[in-house]
Amino acid sequence: MPPQIEIILNGLKERVPEGTTIARLMEMSGEKDKHLVVERNNRFVHSQAYQTTPLSEGDRIEFINPDFGG
């Protein structure tokens, strides 16, 4: 089993394999919303960086699903 790190995902502690990227975390979480907004440690992450942004111990990740509609 690969080494794991602890992160906070949407306010809940999670353990993920070391080296997990934001894109992989989205897959693991079943997140498929193409309009998803991701924050890492209170900073916006551009969708083009999801594949190349590895998570670090203690990161705070927020998945924000915009509500489009009236």
PDB file of N, CA and C in Angstrom:
ATOM      1  N   MET A   1       0.851  -1.185   0.000  1.00  0.00           N
ATOM      2  CA  MET A   1       0.000   0.000   0.000  1.00  0.00           C
ATOM      3  C   MET A   1       0.896   1.247   0.000  1.00  0.00           C
ATOM      4  N   PRO A   2       0.636   2.178  -0.935  1.00  0.00           N
ATOM      5  CA  PRO A   2       1.480   3.382  -0.997  1.00  0.00           C
ATOM      6  C   PRO A   2       1.285   4.261   0.240  1.00  0.00           C
ATOM      7  N   PRO A   3       2.298   5.061   0.581  1.00  0.00           N
ATOM      8  CA  PRO A   3       2.158   5.967   1.722  1.00  0.00           C
ATOM      9  C   PRO A   3       0.961   6.894   1.509  1.00  0.00           C
ATOM     10  N   GLN A   4       0.314   7.267   2.599  1.00  0.00           N
ATOM     11  CA  GLN A   4      -0.860   8.128   2.508  1.00  0.00           C
ATOM     12  C   GLN A   4      -0.622   9.447   3.223  1.00  0.00           C
ATOM     13  N   ILE A   5      -1.396  10.452   2.801  1.00  0.00           N
ATOM     14  CA  ILE A   5      -1.370  11.757   3.448  1.00  0.00           C
ATOM     15  C   ILE A   5      -2.790  12.078   3.902  1.00  0.00           C
ATOM     16  N   GLU A   6      -2.890  12.990   4.835  1.00  0.00           N
ATOM     17  CA  GLU A   6      -4.208  13.417   5.304  1.00  0.00           C
ATOM     18  C   GLU A   6      -4.500  14.814   4.759  1.00  0.00           C
ATOM     19  N   ILE A   7      -5.691  14.955   4.190  1.00  0.00           N
ATOM     20  CA  ILE A   7      -6.157  16.249   3.694  1.00  0.00           C
ATOM     21  C   ILE A   7      -7.527  16.535   4.307  1.00  0.00           C
ATOM     22  N   ILE A   8      -8.010  17.736   4.109  1.00  0.00           N
ATOM     23  CA  ILE A   8      -9.374  18.087   4.483  1.00  0.00           C
ATOM     24  C   ILE A   8     -10.123  18.336   3.177  1.00  0.00           C
ATOM     25  N   LEU A   9     -11.143  17.544   2.905  1.00  0.00           N
ATOM     26  CA  LEU A   9     -11.940  17.674   1.693  1.00  0.00           C
ATOM     27  C   LEU A   9     -13.350  18.088   2.078  1.00  0.00           C
ATOM     28  N   ASN A  10     -13.729  19.284   1.682  1.00  0.00           N
ATOM     29  CA  ASN A  10     -15.057  19.814   2.010  1.00  0.00           C
ATOM     30  C   ASN A  10     -15.345  19.711   3.498  1.00  0.00           C
ATOM     31  N   GLY A  11     -14.331  20.006   4.313  1.00  0.00           N
ATOM     32  CA  GLY A  11     -14.495  20.045   5.762  1.00  0.00           C
ATOM     33  C   GLY A  11     -14.304  18.719   6.481  1.00  0.00           C
ATOM     34  N   LEU A  12     -14.045  17.645   5.737  1.00  0.00           N
ATOM     35  CA  LEU A  12     -13.894  16.325   6.356  1.00  0.00           C
ATOM     36  C   LEU A  12     -12.481  15.783   6.126  1.00  0.00           C
ATOM     37  N   LYS A  13     -11.909  15.174   7.157  1.00  0.00           N
ATOM     38  CA  LYS A  13     -10.583  14.570   7.027  1.00  0.00           C
ATOM     39  C   LYS A  13     -10.669  13.359   6.113  1.00  0.00           C
ATOM     40  N   GLU A  14      -9.722  13.290   5.205  1.00  0.00           N
ATOM     41  CA  GLU A  14      -9.627  12.165   4.267  1.00  0.00           C
ATOM     42  C   GLU A  14      -8.170  11.742   4.173  1.00  0.00           C
ATOM     43  N   ARG A  15      -7.948  10.464   3.928  1.00  0.00           N
ATOM     44  CA  ARG A  15      -6.607   9.965   3.662  1.00  0.00           C
ATOM     45  C   ARG A  15      -6.561   9.549   2.199  1.00  0.00           C
ATOM     46  N   VAL A  16      -5.532  10.011   1.503  1.00  0.00           N
ATOM     47  CA  VAL A  16      -5.369   9.702   0.083  1.00  0.00           C
ATOM     48  C   VAL A  16      -3.927   9.279  -0.150  1.00  0.00           C
ATOM     49  N   PRO A  17      -3.693   8.524  -1.223  1.00  0.00           N
ATOM     50  CA  PRO A  17      -2.316   8.135  -1.523  1.00  0.00           C
ATOM     51  C   PRO A  17      -1.440   9.356  -1.807  1.00  0.00           C
ATOM     52  N   GLU A  18      -0.224   9.306  -1.314  1.00  0.00           N
ATOM     53  CA  GLU A  18       0.741  10.363  -1.594  1.00  0.00           C
ATOM     54  C   GLU A  18       0.890  10.508  -3.106  1.00  0.00           C
ATOM     55  N   GLY A  19       0.942  11.743  -3.595  1.00  0.00           N
ATOM     56  CA  GLY A  19       1.075  12.000  -5.021  1.00  0.00           C
ATOM     57  C   GLY A  19      -0.260  12.164  -5.741  1.00  0.00           C
ATOM     58  N   THR A  20      -1.364  12.020  -5.012  1.00  0.00           N
ATOM     59  CA  THR A  20      -2.687  12.199  -5.617  1.00  0.00           C
ATOM     60  C   THR A  20      -2.821  13.628  -6.143  1.00  0.00           C
ATOM     61  N   THR A  21      -3.304  13.758  -7.373  1.00  0.00           N
ATOM     62  CA  THR A  21      -3.547  15.075  -7.951  1.00  0.00           C
ATOM     63  C   THR A  21      -5.000  15.478  -7.704  1.00  0.00           C
ATOM     64  N   ILE A  22      -5.296  16.731  -7.979  1.00  0.00           N
ATOM     65  CA  ILE A  22      -6.682  17.191  -7.851  1.00  0.00           C
ATOM     66  C   ILE A  22      -7.586  16.402  -8.798  1.00  0.00           C
ATOM     67  N   ALA A  23      -7.113  16.159 -10.026  1.00  0.00           N
ATOM     68  CA  ALA A  23      -7.911  15.389 -10.987  1.00  0.00           C
ATOM     69  C   ALA A  23      -8.213  13.993 -10.445  1.00  0.00           C
ATOM     70  N   ARG A  24      -7.223  13.346  -9.862  1.00  0.00           N
ATOM     71  CA  ARG A  24      -7.430  11.997  -9.302  1.00  0.00           C
ATOM     72  C   ARG A  24      -8.380  12.048  -8.110  1.00  0.00           C
ATOM     73  N   LEU A  25      -8.263  13.066  -7.282  1.00  0.00           N
ATOM     74  CA  LEU A  25      -9.169  13.220  -6.139  1.00  0.00           C
ATOM     75  C   LEU A  25     -10.607  13.370  -6.625  1.00  0.00           C
ATOM     76  N   MET A  26     -10.796  14.117  -7.706  1.00  0.00           N
ATOM     77  CA  MET A  26     -12.129  14.271  -8.277  1.00  0.00           C
ATOM     78  C   MET A  26     -12.671  12.916  -8.729  1.00  0.00           C
ATOM     79  N   GLU A  27     -11.834  12.121  -9.392  1.00  0.00           N
ATOM     80  CA  GLU A  27     -12.242  10.784  -9.822  1.00  0.00           C
ATOM     81  C   GLU A  27     -12.609   9.918  -8.623  1.00  0.00           C
ATOM     82  N   MET A  28     -11.754   9.937  -7.597  1.00  0.00           N
ATOM     83  CA  MET A  28     -11.975   9.123  -6.403  1.00  0.00           C
ATOM     84  C   MET A  28     -13.266   9.518  -5.692  1.00  0.00           C
ATOM     85  N   SER A  29     -13.636  10.788  -5.798  1.00  0.00           N
ATOM     86  CA  SER A  29     -14.832  11.313  -5.129  1.00  0.00           C
ATOM     87  C   SER A  29     -16.084  11.174  -5.989  1.00  0.00           C
ATOM     88  N   GLY A  30     -15.909  10.729  -7.234  1.00  0.00           N
ATOM     89  CA  GLY A  30     -17.047  10.596  -8.135  1.00  0.00           C
ATOM     90  C   GLY A  30     -17.569  11.935  -8.634  1.00  0.00           C
ATOM     91  N   GLU A  31     -16.729  12.947  -8.588  1.00  0.00           N
ATOM     92  CA  GLU A  31     -17.123  14.300  -8.992  1.00  0.00           C
ATOM     93  C   GLU A  31     -17.043  14.427 -10.509  1.00  0.00           C
ATOM     94  N   LYS A  32     -18.188  14.700 -11.152  1.00  0.00           N
ATOM     95  CA  LYS A  32     -18.221  14.780 -12.606  1.00  0.00           C
ATOM     96  C   LYS A  32     -18.753  16.121 -13.122  1.00  0.00           C
ATOM     97  N   ASP A  33     -19.035  17.062 -12.242  1.00  0.00           N
ATOM     98  CA  ASP A  33     -19.578  18.363 -12.646  1.00  0.00           C
ATOM     99  C   ASP A  33     -18.535  19.129 -13.441  1.00  0.00           C
ATOM    100  N   LYS A  34     -18.815  19.391 -14.728  1.00  0.00           N
ATOM    101  CA  LYS A  34     -17.837  20.080 -15.574  1.00  0.00           C
ATOM    102  C   LYS A  34     -17.678  21.547 -15.193  1.00  0.00           C
ATOM    103  N   HIS A  35     -18.571  22.079 -14.372  1.00  0.00           N
ATOM    104  CA  HIS A  35     -18.484  23.472 -13.932  1.00  0.00           C
ATOM    105  C   HIS A  35     -17.895  23.594 -12.522  1.00  0.00           C
ATOM    106  N   LEU A  36     -17.377  22.488 -12.003  1.00  0.00           N
ATOM    107  CA  LEU A  36     -16.838  22.470 -10.647  1.00  0.00           C
ATOM    108  C   LEU A  36     -15.753  23.527 -10.463  1.00  0.00           C
ATOM    109  N   VAL A  37     -15.774  24.178  -9.319  1.00  0.00           N
ATOM    110  CA  VAL A  37     -14.725  25.114  -8.932  1.00  0.00           C
ATOM    111  C   VAL A  37     -13.954  24.447  -7.792  1.00  0.00           C
ATOM    112  N   VAL A  38     -12.630  24.495  -7.852  1.00  0.00           N
ATOM    113  CA  VAL A  38     -11.802  23.876  -6.823  1.00  0.00           C
ATOM    114  C   VAL A  38     -10.955  24.946  -6.151  1.00  0.00           C
ATOM    115  N   GLU A  39     -10.957  24.901  -4.816  1.00  0.00           N
ATOM    116  CA  GLU A  39     -10.065  25.742  -4.024  1.00  0.00           C
ATOM    117  C   GLU A  39      -9.100  24.837  -3.283  1.00  0.00           C
ATOM    118  N   ARG A  40      -7.847  25.248  -3.249  1.00  0.00           N
ATOM    119  CA  ARG A  40      -6.827  24.553  -2.465  1.00  0.00           C
ATOM    120  C   ARG A  40      -6.248  25.576  -1.506  1.00  0.00           C
ATOM    121  N   ASN A  41      -6.433  25.328  -0.229  1.00  0.00           N
ATOM    122  CA  ASN A  41      -5.948  26.240   0.815  1.00  0.00           C
ATOM    123  C   ASN A  41      -6.440  27.671   0.567  1.00  0.00           C
ATOM    124  N   ASN A  42      -7.736  27.771   0.271  1.00  0.00           N
ATOM    125  CA  ASN A  42      -8.431  29.047   0.061  1.00  0.00           C
ATOM    126  C   ASN A  42      -7.997  29.790  -1.196  1.00  0.00           C
ATOM    127  N   ARG A  43      -7.380  29.108  -2.132  1.00  0.00           N
ATOM    128  CA  ARG A  43      -6.979  29.730  -3.398  1.00  0.00           C
ATOM    129  C   ARG A  43      -7.578  28.947  -4.560  1.00  0.00           C
ATOM    130  N   PHE A  44      -8.115  29.672  -5.536  1.00  0.00           N
ATOM    131  CA  PHE A  44      -8.691  29.078  -6.732  1.00  0.00           C
ATOM    132  C   PHE A  44      -7.622  28.287  -7.493  1.00  0.00           C
ATOM    133  N   VAL A  45      -8.004  27.104  -7.975  1.00  0.00           N
ATOM    134  CA  VAL A  45      -7.123  26.307  -8.824  1.00  0.00           C
ATOM    135  C   VAL A  45      -7.753  26.261 -10.214  1.00  0.00           C
ATOM    136  N   HIS A  46      -7.020  26.691 -11.221  1.00  0.00           N
ATOM    137  CA  HIS A  46      -7.540  26.673 -12.588  1.00  0.00           C
ATOM    138  C   HIS A  46      -7.692  25.224 -13.051  1.00  0.00           C
ATOM    139  N   SER A  47      -8.752  24.961 -13.783  1.00  0.00           N
ATOM    140  CA  SER A  47      -9.035  23.590 -14.228  1.00  0.00           C
ATOM    141  C   SER A  47      -7.896  22.985 -15.048  1.00  0.00           C
ATOM    142  N   GLN A  48      -7.119  23.810 -15.746  1.00  0.00           N
ATOM    143  CA  GLN A  48      -5.993  23.289 -16.527  1.00  0.00           C
ATOM    144  C   GLN A  48      -4.898  22.722 -15.628  1.00  0.00           C
ATOM    145  N   ALA A  49      -4.913  23.058 -14.341  1.00  0.00           N
ATOM    146  CA  ALA A  49      -3.888  22.586 -13.412  1.00  0.00           C
ATOM    147  C   ALA A  49      -4.314  21.350 -12.621  1.00  0.00           C
ATOM    148  N   TYR A  50      -5.542  20.885 -12.792  1.00  0.00           N
ATOM    149  CA  TYR A  50      -6.023  19.746 -12.003  1.00  0.00           C
ATOM    150  C   TYR A  50      -5.148  18.508 -12.189  1.00  0.00           C
ATOM    151  N   GLN A  51      -4.717  18.236 -13.426  1.00  0.00           N
ATOM    152  CA  GLN A  51      -3.925  17.033 -13.717  1.00  0.00           C
ATOM    153  C   GLN A  51      -2.514  17.100 -13.147  1.00  0.00           C
ATOM    154  N   THR A  52      -2.011  18.308 -12.927  1.00  0.00           N
ATOM    155  CA  THR A  52      -0.605  18.461 -12.550  1.00  0.00           C
ATOM    156  C   THR A  52      -0.401  19.004 -11.136  1.00  0.00           C
ATOM    157  N   THR A  53      -1.483  19.155 -10.379  1.00  0.00           N
ATOM    158  CA  THR A  53      -1.371  19.705  -9.026  1.00  0.00           C
ATOM    159  C   THR A  53      -1.488  18.587  -8.001  1.00  0.00           C
ATOM    160  N   PRO A  54      -0.337  18.152  -7.443  1.00  0.00           N
ATOM    161  CA  PRO A  54      -0.398  17.106  -6.417  1.00  0.00           C
ATOM    162  C   PRO A  54      -0.813  17.700  -5.073  1.00  0.00           C
ATOM    163  N   LEU A  55      -1.490  16.890  -4.295  1.00  0.00           N
ATOM    164  CA  LEU A  55      -1.906  17.306  -2.963  1.00  0.00           C
ATOM    165  C   LEU A  55      -0.764  17.114  -1.973  1.00  0.00           C
ATOM    166  N   SER A  56      -0.781  17.916  -0.918  1.00  0.00           N
ATOM    167  CA  SER A  56       0.228  17.829   0.139  1.00  0.00           C
ATOM    168  C   SER A  56      -0.460  17.586   1.467  1.00  0.00           C
ATOM    169  N   GLU A  57       0.273  17.024   2.397  1.00  0.00           N
ATOM    170  CA  GLU A  57      -0.225  16.785   3.749  1.00  0.00           C
ATOM    171  C   GLU A  57      -0.860  18.064   4.292  1.00  0.00           C
ATOM    172  N   GLY A  58      -2.088  17.933   4.795  1.00  0.00           N
ATOM    173  CA  GLY A  58      -2.770  19.055   5.432  1.00  0.00           C
ATOM    174  C   GLY A  58      -3.503  19.998   4.494  1.00  0.00           C
ATOM    175  N   ASP A  59      -3.438  19.751   3.171  1.00  0.00           N
ATOM    176  CA  ASP A  59      -4.166  20.621   2.239  1.00  0.00           C
ATOM    177  C   ASP A  59      -5.652  20.657   2.575  1.00  0.00           C
ATOM    178  N   ARG A  60      -6.245  21.841   2.366  1.00  0.00           N
ATOM    179  CA  ARG A  60      -7.680  22.012   2.522  1.00  0.00           C
ATOM    180  C   ARG A  60      -8.253  22.210   1.120  1.00  0.00           C
ATOM    181  N   ILE A  61      -9.036  21.221   0.692  1.00  0.00           N
ATOM    182  CA  ILE A  61      -9.608  21.237  -0.653  1.00  0.00           C
ATOM    183  C   ILE A  61     -11.120  21.424  -0.534  1.00  0.00           C
ATOM    184  N   GLU A  62     -11.624  22.345  -1.328  1.00  0.00           N
ATOM    185  CA  GLU A  62     -13.069  22.572  -1.386  1.00  0.00           C
ATOM    186  C   GLU A  62     -13.525  22.356  -2.822  1.00  0.00           C
ATOM    187  N   PHE A  63     -14.533  21.506  -3.003  1.00  0.00           N
ATOM    188  CA  PHE A  63     -15.203  21.335  -4.284  1.00  0.00           C
ATOM    189  C   PHE A  63     -16.466  22.175  -4.212  1.00  0.00           C
ATOM    190  N   ILE A  64     -16.590  23.130  -5.113  1.00  0.00           N
ATOM    191  CA  ILE A  64     -17.740  24.031  -5.111  1.00  0.00           C
ATOM    192  C   ILE A  64     -18.500  23.823  -6.409  1.00  0.00           C
ATOM    193  N   ASN A  65     -19.757  23.421  -6.270  1.00  0.00           N
ATOM    194  CA  ASN A  65     -20.611  23.211  -7.428  1.00  0.00           C
ATOM    195  C   ASN A  65     -21.471  24.462  -7.622  1.00  0.00           C
ATOM    196  N   PRO A  66     -21.156  25.269  -8.650  1.00  0.00           N
ATOM    197  CA  PRO A  66     -21.968  26.461  -8.887  1.00  0.00           C
ATOM    198  C   PRO A  66     -23.411  26.071  -9.198  1.00  0.00           C
ATOM    199  N   ASP A  67     -24.323  26.870  -8.705  1.00  0.00           N
ATOM    200  CA  ASP A  67     -25.740  26.627  -8.936  1.00  0.00           C
ATOM    201  C   ASP A  67     -26.223  27.581 -10.011  1.00  0.00           C
ATOM    202  N   PHE A  68     -26.283  27.063 -11.235  1.00  0.00           N
ATOM    203  CA  PHE A  68     -26.756  27.875 -12.345  1.00  0.00           C
ATOM    204  C   PHE A  68     -28.260  27.698 -12.436  1.00  0.00           C
ATOM    205  N   GLY A  69     -28.963  28.759 -12.497  1.00  0.00           N
ATOM    206  CA  GLY A  69     -30.404  28.676 -12.632  1.00  0.00           C
ATOM    207  C   GLY A  69     -31.065  29.888 -12.040  1.00  0.00           C
ATOM    208  N   GLY A  70     -32.373  29.876 -12.048  1.00  0.00           N
ATOM    209  CA  GLY A  70     -33.077  31.061 -11.592  1.00  0.00           C
ATOM    210  C   GLY A  70     -34.093  30.815 -10.561  1.00  0.00           C
TER     211      GLY A  70
END
